[in-house]
Amino acid sequence: MDTINQLLNDFFALANEASPWLLLGLIIAGLMKSFVPSWHSIARLRRYLPGYW
């Protein structure tokens, strides 16, 4: 039981440390999605990955 308790404590400590960076990444991704037109990213993907599109 002590091992499970320690595992949960470590998991929550890790989530507590990582959550601000995950939130910052989500905000940046949302801003990029709203400001970069979708046709631009699709054209870039077609240029760099010609066999997949």
C-alpha atoms as a PDB file:
ATOM      1  CA  MET A   1       0.000   0.000   0.000  1.00  0.00           C
ATOM      2  CA  ASP A   2       2.898   2.341   0.697  1.00  0.00           C
ATOM      3  CA  THR A   3       4.213   1.807  -2.833  1.00  0.00           C
ATOM      4  CA  ILE A   4       0.892   2.782  -4.396  1.00  0.00           C
ATOM      5  CA  ASN A   5       0.695   5.868  -2.185  1.00  0.00           C
ATOM      6  CA  GLN A   6       4.217   6.914  -3.181  1.00  0.00           C
ATOM      7  CA  LEU A   7       3.428   6.308  -6.853  1.00  0.00           C
ATOM      8  CA  LEU A   8       0.327   8.502  -6.674  1.00  0.00           C
ATOM      9  CA  ASN A   9       2.218  11.231  -4.819  1.00  0.00           C
ATOM     10  CA  ASP A  10       4.966  11.207  -7.451  1.00  0.00           C
ATOM     11  CA  PHE A  11       2.419  11.260 -10.268  1.00  0.00           C
ATOM     12  CA  PHE A  12       0.603  14.273  -8.816  1.00  0.00           C
ATOM     13  CA  ALA A  13       3.894  16.067  -8.149  1.00  0.00           C
ATOM     14  CA  LEU A  14       4.929  15.523 -11.762  1.00  0.00           C
ATOM     15  CA  ALA A  15       1.546  16.691 -13.045  1.00  0.00           C
ATOM     16  CA  ASN A  16       1.786  19.749 -10.811  1.00  0.00           C
ATOM     17  CA  GLU A  17       5.198  20.663 -12.264  1.00  0.00           C
ATOM     18  CA  ALA A  18       4.239  19.987 -15.885  1.00  0.00           C
ATOM     19  CA  SER A  19       0.814  21.642 -15.942  1.00  0.00           C
ATOM     20  CA  PRO A  20       1.972  25.271 -16.479  1.00  0.00           C
ATOM     21  CA  TRP A  21       4.096  24.235 -19.452  1.00  0.00           C
ATOM     22  CA  LEU A  22       1.293  22.143 -20.939  1.00  0.00           C
ATOM     23  CA  LEU A  23      -1.096  25.066 -20.550  1.00  0.00           C
ATOM     24  CA  LEU A  24       1.411  27.422 -22.185  1.00  0.00           C
ATOM     25  CA  GLY A  25       1.818  24.988 -25.086  1.00  0.00           C
ATOM     26  CA  LEU A  26      -1.945  24.738 -25.549  1.00  0.00           C
ATOM     27  CA  ILE A  27      -2.284  28.521 -25.569  1.00  0.00           C
ATOM     28  CA  ILE A  28       0.518  28.924 -28.120  1.00  0.00           C
ATOM     29  CA  ALA A  29      -0.955  26.187 -30.312  1.00  0.00           C
ATOM     30  CA  GLY A  30      -4.369  27.836 -30.171  1.00  0.00           C
ATOM     31  CA  LEU A  31      -2.913  31.215 -31.117  1.00  0.00           C
ATOM     32  CA  MET A  32      -0.985  29.680 -33.994  1.00  0.00           C
ATOM     33  CA  LYS A  33      -4.103  27.913 -35.226  1.00  0.00           C
ATOM     34  CA  SER A  34      -6.139  31.093 -35.109  1.00  0.00           C
ATOM     35  CA  PHE A  35      -3.563  33.354 -36.781  1.00  0.00           C
ATOM     36  CA  VAL A  36      -1.960  31.047 -39.372  1.00  0.00           C
ATOM     37  CA  PRO A  37      -4.330  30.339 -42.261  1.00  0.00           C
ATOM     38  CA  SER A  38      -5.052  26.683 -42.844  1.00  0.00           C
ATOM     39  CA  TRP A  39      -4.203  26.837 -46.563  1.00  0.00           C
ATOM     40  CA  HIS A  40      -0.696  27.977 -45.664  1.00  0.00           C
ATOM     41  CA  SER A  41       0.009  24.966 -43.458  1.00  0.00           C
ATOM     42  CA  ILE A  42      -1.504  22.543 -45.978  1.00  0.00           C
ATOM     43  CA  ALA A  43       0.630  23.987 -48.776  1.00  0.00           C
ATOM     44  CA  ARG A  44       3.723  23.678 -46.607  1.00  0.00           C
ATOM     45  CA  LEU A  45       2.914  20.053 -45.807  1.00  0.00           C
ATOM     46  CA  ARG A  46       2.432  19.277 -49.476  1.00  0.00           C
ATOM     47  CA  ARG A  47       5.779  20.852 -50.283  1.00  0.00           C
ATOM     48  CA  TYR A  48       7.735  19.011 -47.588  1.00  0.00           C
ATOM     49  CA  LEU A  49       5.852  15.691 -47.760  1.00  0.00           C
ATOM     50  CA  PRO A  50       4.943  15.299 -51.446  1.00  0.00           C
ATOM     51  CA  GLY A  51       4.335  11.543 -51.329  1.00  0.00           C
ATOM     52  CA  TYR A  52       1.823  11.663 -48.491  1.00  0.00           C
ATOM     53  CA  TRP A  53      -0.631  14.264 -49.842  1.00  0.00           C
END
